[in-house]
Amino acid sequence: MLKKFEIKTAKREELLNISAFVEKAVKESGVKSGAAVIFCPHTTAAITINENADPDVCEDIIKGLKKISPMDKNYAHIEGNSDAHIKSSLTGASQTIIIENSKPLLGVWQGVYFCEFDGPRTRTVFVKVMQL
């Protein structure tokens, strides 16, 4: 089963918890044991799994990525968003999660996040749920 959903981001850089969307896609699929691939088809956004208990972690991730790839460098890409492309490449366009007992197998403190690096925008995310 393939599920598509849209996200409207509000800031240039932010991490949005999309765990509920992933859980809903898994539930609607009826798959009891398998895998889910969460994919972002954008070159300036990404998907990651990280702590969902303390919102400071998301801010720290953004702060760290800004140090690695600052916006104000003299990049060749004319659109002015090369830092976002670099952050997306470092973070990754997809994540795979094991499904067991009809639920995504995440740690107690883990959540699935959509990473916006060039917003605000309307973005698309796909969740492919597979029986294995």
Protein backbone atom coordinates (compact mmCIF):
# COMPACT_ATOMS: atom_id res chain seq x y z
CA MET A 1 0.00 0.00 0.00
CA LEU A 2 1.20 3.49 -0.89
CA LYS A 3 -0.06 6.48 1.10
CA LYS A 4 0.63 10.08 0.09
CA PHE A 5 0.16 13.11 2.30
CA GLU A 6 0.99 16.81 2.15
CA ILE A 7 2.72 18.93 4.74
CA LYS A 8 2.66 22.71 4.91
CA THR A 9 5.79 24.03 6.56
CA ALA A 10 5.91 27.40 8.28
CA LYS A 11 9.63 28.17 8.55
CA ARG A 12 12.71 27.98 6.35
CA GLU A 13 14.11 25.23 8.57
CA GLU A 14 12.07 23.03 10.88
CA LEU A 15 11.51 19.44 11.89
CA LEU A 16 7.88 18.30 11.99
CA ASN A 17 6.84 15.12 13.76
CA ILE A 18 5.00 12.94 11.21
CA SER A 19 4.83 9.79 13.34
CA ALA A 20 1.02 9.92 13.44
CA PHE A 21 0.85 9.91 9.62
CA VAL A 22 3.17 6.90 9.48
CA GLU A 23 1.20 5.04 12.17
CA LYS A 24 -2.06 5.75 10.32
CA ALA A 25 -0.63 4.47 7.03
CA VAL A 26 0.56 1.27 8.73
CA LYS A 27 -2.80 0.74 10.42
CA GLU A 28 -4.76 1.33 7.19
CA SER A 29 -2.51 -1.11 5.31
CA GLY A 30 -3.50 -4.04 7.51
CA VAL A 31 0.11 -5.28 7.48
CA LYS A 32 0.96 -7.12 10.70
CA SER A 33 4.64 -7.81 9.99
CA GLY A 34 6.70 -6.03 7.36
CA ALA A 35 8.32 -2.69 6.64
CA ALA A 36 7.39 0.87 5.89
CA VAL A 37 9.48 3.20 3.75
CA ILE A 38 8.92 6.90 4.33
CA PHE A 39 10.13 8.90 1.31
CA CYS A 40 10.39 12.61 0.61
CA PRO A 41 10.60 13.50 -3.14
CA HIS A 42 12.17 16.92 -2.56
CA THR A 43 15.84 17.89 -2.90
CA THR A 44 15.75 20.46 -0.09
CA ALA A 45 13.90 18.39 2.51
CA ALA A 46 14.46 15.06 4.25
CA ILE A 47 13.15 12.37 6.60
CA THR A 48 14.81 11.39 9.87
CA ILE A 49 14.10 9.41 13.02
CA ASN A 50 15.09 10.98 16.31
CA GLU A 51 13.96 11.85 19.83
CA ASN A 52 10.35 12.96 20.19
CA ALA A 53 10.30 13.77 23.91
CA ASP A 54 12.28 17.02 24.04
CA PRO A 55 11.63 19.64 21.30
CA ASP A 56 15.07 21.11 22.00
CA VAL A 57 16.57 18.12 20.17
CA CYS A 58 14.97 19.27 16.90
CA GLU A 59 16.32 22.79 17.42
CA ASP A 60 19.77 21.37 18.18
CA ILE A 61 19.70 19.27 15.00
CA ILE A 62 18.88 22.35 12.93
CA LYS A 63 21.56 24.37 14.74
CA GLY A 64 24.15 21.64 14.11
CA LEU A 65 23.27 21.36 10.42
CA LYS A 66 23.54 25.14 10.07
CA LYS A 67 27.13 24.89 11.38
CA ILE A 68 27.95 22.17 8.87
CA SER A 69 26.26 23.95 5.97
CA PRO A 70 25.64 27.65 6.62
CA MET A 71 23.29 29.60 4.36
CA ASP A 72 25.63 32.52 3.76
CA LYS A 73 28.49 30.74 2.04
CA ASN A 74 29.49 31.59 -1.53
CA TYR A 75 27.85 28.60 -3.24
CA ALA A 76 27.72 28.32 -7.05
CA HIS A 77 24.05 27.26 -7.23
CA ILE A 78 22.18 30.36 -8.42
CA GLU A 79 18.94 29.74 -6.50
CA GLY A 80 20.59 30.53 -3.18
CA ASN A 81 19.52 27.34 -1.42
CA SER A 82 22.60 25.16 -1.73
CA ASP A 83 22.77 24.87 2.05
CA ALA A 84 19.32 23.22 1.95
CA HIS A 85 20.45 20.73 -0.72
CA ILE A 86 23.49 19.82 1.39
CA LYS A 87 21.40 19.38 4.57
CA SER A 88 18.95 17.18 2.66
CA SER A 89 21.78 15.02 1.33
CA LEU A 90 23.30 14.65 4.80
CA THR A 91 19.97 13.74 6.42
CA GLY A 92 18.54 11.56 3.64
CA ALA A 93 15.39 11.37 1.56
CA SER A 94 13.96 8.25 3.23
CA GLN A 95 13.80 6.03 6.29
CA THR A 96 12.76 2.39 6.61
CA ILE A 97 10.93 1.17 9.70
CA ILE A 98 10.17 -2.41 10.72
CA ILE A 99 6.48 -3.17 11.30
CA GLU A 100 5.63 -5.68 14.00
CA ASN A 101 2.20 -6.39 15.50
CA SER A 102 0.68 -3.85 13.08
CA LYS A 103 2.80 -0.99 14.48
CA PRO A 104 5.99 0.80 13.47
CA LEU A 105 8.83 -0.56 15.58
CA LEU A 106 10.24 2.62 17.09
CA GLY A 107 12.07 3.16 20.35
CA VAL A 108 10.24 4.68 23.31
CA TRP A 109 11.73 8.12 22.62
CA GLN A 110 11.78 7.95 18.80
CA GLY A 111 9.62 9.79 16.32
CA VAL A 112 9.61 10.18 12.54
CA TYR A 113 10.36 13.71 11.37
CA PHE A 114 9.94 15.63 8.15
CA CYS A 115 12.90 17.99 7.81
CA GLU A 116 12.29 21.26 6.01
CA PHE A 117 15.42 23.10 4.89
CA ASP A 118 14.02 25.56 2.30
CA GLY A 119 10.56 26.58 3.42
CA PRO A 120 7.96 27.57 3.97
CA ARG A 121 6.45 25.28 1.33
CA THR A 122 3.83 22.64 0.69
CA ARG A 123 5.59 19.28 0.60
CA THR A 124 4.68 15.69 -0.23
CA VAL A 125 5.62 12.58 1.72
CA PHE A 126 5.01 8.97 0.66
CA VAL A 127 4.68 5.98 2.97
CA LYS A 128 5.00 2.56 1.31
CA VAL A 129 3.90 -0.28 3.58
CA MET A 130 4.96 -3.81 2.63
CA GLN A 131 4.22 -7.25 3.97
CA LEU A 132 7.45 -9.23 4.33
